[in-house]
Protein backbone atom coordinates (compact mmCIF):
# COMPACT_ATOMS: atom_id res chain seq x y z
CA MET A 1 -9.66 12.29 42.18
CA THR A 2 -10.68 8.71 43.45
CA LEU A 3 -11.89 5.62 41.67
CA PHE A 4 -15.38 6.27 43.46
CA GLU A 5 -15.60 10.37 42.85
CA LYS A 6 -18.82 11.10 39.89
CA ILE A 7 -17.24 12.62 36.94
CA THR A 8 -18.61 15.66 35.32
CA ALA A 9 -19.08 15.83 32.02
CA VAL A 10 -21.01 17.71 29.62
CA ILE A 11 -21.82 16.57 25.96
CA VAL A 12 -21.56 18.42 22.68
CA GLU A 13 -23.61 17.11 19.76
CA ASP A 14 -25.50 18.81 17.28
CA GLU A 15 -28.65 15.74 17.45
CA ALA A 16 -30.74 15.99 19.84
CA ALA A 17 -31.59 11.97 19.14
CA ALA A 18 -27.35 11.13 19.89
CA ILE A 19 -27.49 13.51 23.00
CA ALA A 20 -30.39 11.04 24.17
CA ALA A 21 -28.39 8.16 23.32
CA LEU A 22 -25.61 8.99 25.04
CA GLN A 23 -27.14 9.83 27.66
CA SER A 24 -29.36 7.32 28.66
CA TYR A 25 -26.04 4.84 27.86
CA LEU A 26 -23.33 6.50 29.99
CA GLN A 27 -26.91 6.17 33.14
CA LYS A 28 -26.75 1.91 32.47
CA PHE A 29 -23.29 1.27 31.30
CA CYS A 30 -21.56 4.07 33.00
CA PRO A 31 -22.85 5.66 36.47
CA GLN A 32 -19.65 6.77 37.69
CA VAL A 33 -20.22 10.05 34.94
CA GLN A 34 -22.92 12.87 35.78
CA VAL A 35 -23.69 14.40 32.91
CA THR A 36 -24.15 18.25 34.24
CA GLY A 37 -25.18 20.03 30.42
CA THR A 38 -25.33 19.75 26.71
CA ALA A 39 -24.72 22.34 23.79
CA ARG A 40 -25.93 21.53 20.36
CA ASN A 41 -23.01 23.60 18.71
CA SER A 42 -19.32 24.99 18.99
CA ARG A 43 -20.28 28.59 19.80
CA GLU A 44 -22.68 27.34 22.71
CA ALA A 45 -20.40 24.51 23.62
CA ILE A 46 -17.30 27.42 24.37
CA GLU A 47 -19.96 29.14 26.85
CA VAL A 48 -21.47 25.82 28.60
CA LEU A 49 -17.84 24.76 28.89
CA HIS A 50 -16.85 27.61 30.44
CA GLN A 51 -19.36 27.86 32.63
CA LEU A 52 -19.55 24.35 34.32
CA THR A 53 -15.99 23.62 34.23
CA PRO A 54 -16.50 19.74 33.52
CA GLN A 55 -13.80 17.10 33.77
CA LEU A 56 -15.09 15.53 30.53
CA VAL A 57 -16.53 16.30 27.15
CA PHE A 58 -18.02 14.20 24.80
CA LEU A 59 -17.07 16.29 21.58
CA ASP A 60 -18.69 15.52 18.17
CA VAL A 61 -16.04 16.32 15.83
CA GLU A 62 -18.42 17.98 13.05
CA MET A 63 -21.07 20.49 14.16
CA PRO A 64 -22.70 23.96 12.98
CA PHE A 65 -20.75 26.68 13.19
CA GLY A 66 -17.06 24.95 13.45
CA ASN A 67 -15.82 21.85 14.13
CA ALA A 68 -14.23 20.08 17.69
CA PHE A 69 -11.28 22.02 16.71
CA ASP A 70 -12.63 25.26 17.44
CA VAL A 71 -14.39 24.52 20.33
CA LEU A 72 -10.66 23.45 22.18
CA GLU A 73 -9.30 26.32 20.92
CA GLY A 74 -12.22 28.73 22.60
CA CYS A 75 -11.18 26.64 26.03
CA GLN A 76 -7.69 26.67 25.81
CA ASN A 77 -7.78 28.42 29.66
CA LEU A 78 -9.86 25.30 30.73
CA ARG A 79 -8.78 21.90 31.69
CA PHE A 80 -10.59 18.90 30.53
CA GLU A 81 -10.71 15.17 28.91
CA THR A 82 -12.04 14.64 25.81
CA ILE A 83 -13.77 11.82 24.44
CA PHE A 84 -14.21 12.66 20.76
CA VAL A 85 -17.06 11.50 18.45
CA THR A 86 -16.69 11.08 14.70
CA ALA A 87 -18.71 9.57 11.84
CA PHE A 88 -15.37 7.76 10.24
CA SER A 89 -13.35 10.49 8.30
CA GLU A 90 -9.59 9.95 7.75
CA TYR A 91 -8.59 13.00 8.74
CA SER A 92 -10.02 13.60 11.60
CA LEU A 93 -9.34 9.98 12.62
CA LYS A 94 -5.60 10.71 11.70
CA ALA A 95 -5.63 13.47 13.80
CA LEU A 96 -6.88 12.14 16.60
CA ASN A 97 -4.72 8.91 16.97
CA GLN A 98 -1.31 11.02 16.62
CA SER A 99 -2.81 12.52 19.81
CA ALA A 100 -3.80 9.37 21.45
CA ALA A 101 -7.21 11.06 21.62
CA TYR A 102 -9.86 8.96 22.88
CA TYR A 103 -12.29 8.62 20.39
CA LEU A 104 -15.59 7.16 19.00
CA LEU A 105 -17.14 6.31 16.06
CA LYS A 106 -20.93 6.59 15.47
CA PRO A 107 -22.71 4.91 16.08
CA VAL A 108 -21.28 4.75 19.38
CA SER A 109 -20.37 1.33 20.70
CA ILE A 110 -21.15 0.52 24.20
CA GLU A 111 -18.35 -1.48 24.78
CA GLU A 112 -16.06 1.36 23.08
CA LEU A 113 -17.86 3.59 25.37
CA ILE A 114 -16.62 1.81 28.41
CA VAL A 115 -13.59 1.16 27.50
CA ALA A 116 -13.33 4.93 26.78
CA VAL A 117 -14.67 6.10 30.20
CA ASN A 118 -12.90 3.97 31.98
CA LYS A 119 -9.26 4.98 30.38
CA VAL A 120 -10.65 8.53 31.24
CA GLN A 121 -11.17 7.45 34.69
CA GLN A 122 -7.78 6.17 35.32
CA GLN A 123 -6.34 9.68 34.10
CA LEU A 124 -8.17 11.32 36.06
CA HIS A 125 -7.25 9.07 39.34
CA ASN A 126 -3.55 9.17 38.17
CA GLN A 127 -3.47 13.15 38.15
CA GLN A 128 -2.06 12.69 34.80
CA LEU A 129 -0.81 16.17 33.39
CA LEU A 130 -0.59 14.94 29.48
CA ASN A 131 -2.89 17.86 27.67
CA ARG A 132 -4.26 16.33 24.74
CA ASN A 133 -6.04 19.36 23.56
CA GLN A 134 -3.29 21.44 23.08
CA ILE A 135 -1.39 19.21 20.78
CA ILE A 136 -4.67 18.07 19.28
CA MET A 137 -5.01 22.18 18.18
CA GLU A 138 -1.59 22.46 17.42
CA ASN A 139 -1.34 19.64 15.22
CA ALA A 140 -4.41 21.08 13.42
CA ARG A 141 -2.87 24.63 12.91
CA GLU A 142 0.54 23.22 11.70
CA ASP A 143 0.25 22.69 8.13
CA ASN A 144 3.92 21.23 7.95
CA PRO A 145 3.51 17.69 8.44
CA ALA A 146 6.70 16.97 9.75
CA ARG A 147 6.74 19.56 12.26
CA GLN A 148 3.84 18.01 13.72
CA GLN A 149 3.76 15.94 17.23
CA VAL A 150 3.01 12.74 17.90
CA ILE A 151 2.25 11.00 21.16
CA LEU A 152 4.19 7.87 22.14
CA PRO A 153 2.33 5.67 24.80
CA THR A 154 5.47 4.35 26.71
CA VAL A 155 5.51 1.55 29.77
CA ASP A 156 6.28 4.32 31.87
CA GLY A 157 3.97 7.35 30.58
CA PHE A 158 4.29 9.11 27.46
CA ASP A 159 6.34 10.80 25.03
CA VAL A 160 5.39 13.77 22.96
CA VAL A 161 7.74 14.25 19.54
CA ARG A 162 7.61 15.79 16.53
CA MET A 163 7.60 13.74 13.67
CA GLU A 164 10.92 14.99 11.83
CA GLU A 165 12.83 13.34 14.87
CA ILE A 166 11.50 10.46 14.55
CA VAL A 167 14.17 8.33 12.10
CA ARG A 168 12.53 4.76 11.63
CA LEU A 169 10.30 2.45 13.61
CA LYS A 170 10.78 -1.26 14.15
CA GLY A 171 8.14 -3.80 14.93
CA ASN A 172 8.81 -5.71 18.59
CA GLY A 173 5.86 -7.98 19.04
CA ASN A 174 2.95 -5.91 20.58
CA PHE A 175 5.56 -2.54 21.23
CA THR A 176 7.07 -0.87 18.25
CA ASP A 177 11.06 0.60 18.54
CA VAL A 178 10.66 3.97 17.69
CA TYR A 179 14.44 4.98 16.93
CA LEU A 180 15.00 9.83 17.29
CA THR A 181 17.59 11.55 15.53
CA SER A 182 18.88 12.19 19.38
CA GLY A 183 19.76 8.53 18.98
CA HIS A 184 17.30 7.36 21.94
CA LYS A 185 15.18 4.68 20.74
CA LYS A 186 11.64 4.68 23.03
CA MET A 187 9.47 1.00 23.11
CA VAL A 188 6.14 2.09 22.36
CA CYS A 189 2.74 0.44 23.36
CA ARG A 190 1.47 0.24 19.89
CA PHE A 191 1.59 -2.02 16.99
CA LEU A 192 3.68 -1.13 14.14
CA LYS A 193 0.23 -1.32 12.37
CA HIS A 194 -1.37 1.61 14.19
CA PHE A 195 1.57 3.48 12.88
CA ALA A 196 1.17 2.40 8.96
CA GLU A 197 -1.94 3.99 9.50
CA ILE A 198 -1.23 7.44 11.12
CA LEU A 199 2.19 8.27 9.27
CA THR A 200 2.15 9.73 5.91
CA HIS A 201 5.07 11.54 3.75
CA PRO A 202 7.88 11.14 4.39
CA PHE A 203 7.06 8.12 6.28
CA ILE A 204 6.93 4.62 4.53
CA ARG A 205 7.07 0.99 4.78
CA VAL A 206 9.72 -0.99 3.23
CA HIS A 207 9.22 -4.29 5.23
CA LYS A 208 6.21 -6.34 7.72
CA SER A 209 9.03 -4.74 10.38
CA HIS A 210 9.90 -1.42 9.28
CA ILE A 211 8.95 1.98 8.67
CA ILE A 212 11.62 4.51 7.67
CA ASN A 213 11.68 8.33 7.31
CA ILE A 214 12.81 8.98 4.02
CA HIS A 215 14.26 12.36 4.85
CA TYR A 216 17.14 9.90 6.71
CA VAL A 217 17.59 7.74 3.65
CA LYS A 218 21.33 7.97 2.57
CA SER A 219 21.62 5.16 0.31
CA TYR A 220 19.65 2.60 -1.38
CA HIS A 221 21.05 -0.78 -2.71
CA LYS A 222 19.68 -3.09 -5.27
CA GLY A 223 19.28 -6.95 -4.42
CA SER A 224 15.42 -8.93 -4.47
CA GLY A 225 14.13 -5.97 -2.40
CA GLY A 226 17.88 -4.38 -1.61
CA TYR A 227 18.39 -2.36 1.71
CA VAL A 228 18.73 1.09 2.66
CA CYS A 229 21.60 2.86 4.50
CA LEU A 230 20.25 5.43 7.17
CA ASN A 231 21.49 8.47 8.44
CA ASP A 232 21.44 6.50 11.95
CA GLY A 233 23.92 4.10 10.50
CA SER A 234 21.10 1.37 10.85
CA GLU A 235 20.83 -1.00 7.25
CA ILE A 236 17.30 -1.72 6.77
CA GLU A 237 16.32 -4.55 4.51
CA VAL A 238 13.70 -3.87 1.45
CA SER A 239 11.10 -6.18 0.95
CA PRO A 240 9.91 -6.90 -2.71
CA ALA A 241 6.46 -6.39 -2.11
CA TYR A 242 7.28 -2.78 -0.68
CA LYS A 243 10.32 -1.98 -2.99
CA ASP A 244 8.48 -0.22 -5.88
CA LEU A 245 6.99 2.35 -3.33
CA LEU A 246 10.40 3.19 -1.93
CA LEU A 247 11.75 4.03 -5.19
CA LYS A 248 8.60 5.85 -6.00
CA ALA A 249 9.60 8.23 -3.61
CA PHE A 250 12.31 9.09 -5.09
């Protein structure tokens, strides 16, 4: 698509007032979006999305007769960009952040809405082939966190890796260096703080600049904080403030 074409969109939201508010915001602040339909629950959403095949879906995470993941499951044969709309939920935000998904917290901020729509427009313009919806569904079905996938936005595009492939992460200014079991290093366009928030066990922060996967720890050496040796041959300093957290993990 060109930057001047309209983006066809469907709003999936169970509250009529929320639909009206979002439609009003889009009309005033995101005129490039043309809302072609709405749905009030997951069953209706699946039907409407197959009928209208929009380019973009504003998808409420929780709704009657299922949730956003059920909608994505029922629309696997469709390709559309998704902006999730959610009340704060630690579980849902971790899942969406892992998949580098676009999402808005309720009540919707106009500024954040504009940013999300502009990102989607750029994705459509560049015809990027990343299917975030597929990755989100696969992660929701996968009970083993180590087998879940995480999207790593890089300077050149993106990489999709499983959690178990990550040995360690190191803060590098505005970026994070991600070290993989393959021996490769990826420079990711995210602060280390982003990964500290979305990665759970077996990942542990051991230093302001380091997060490690404890499954790859070979040994720990005592000291003020000490240091750990990992399977990739690296030696990572442990800050005194994080020492107890590391030892409890073992």
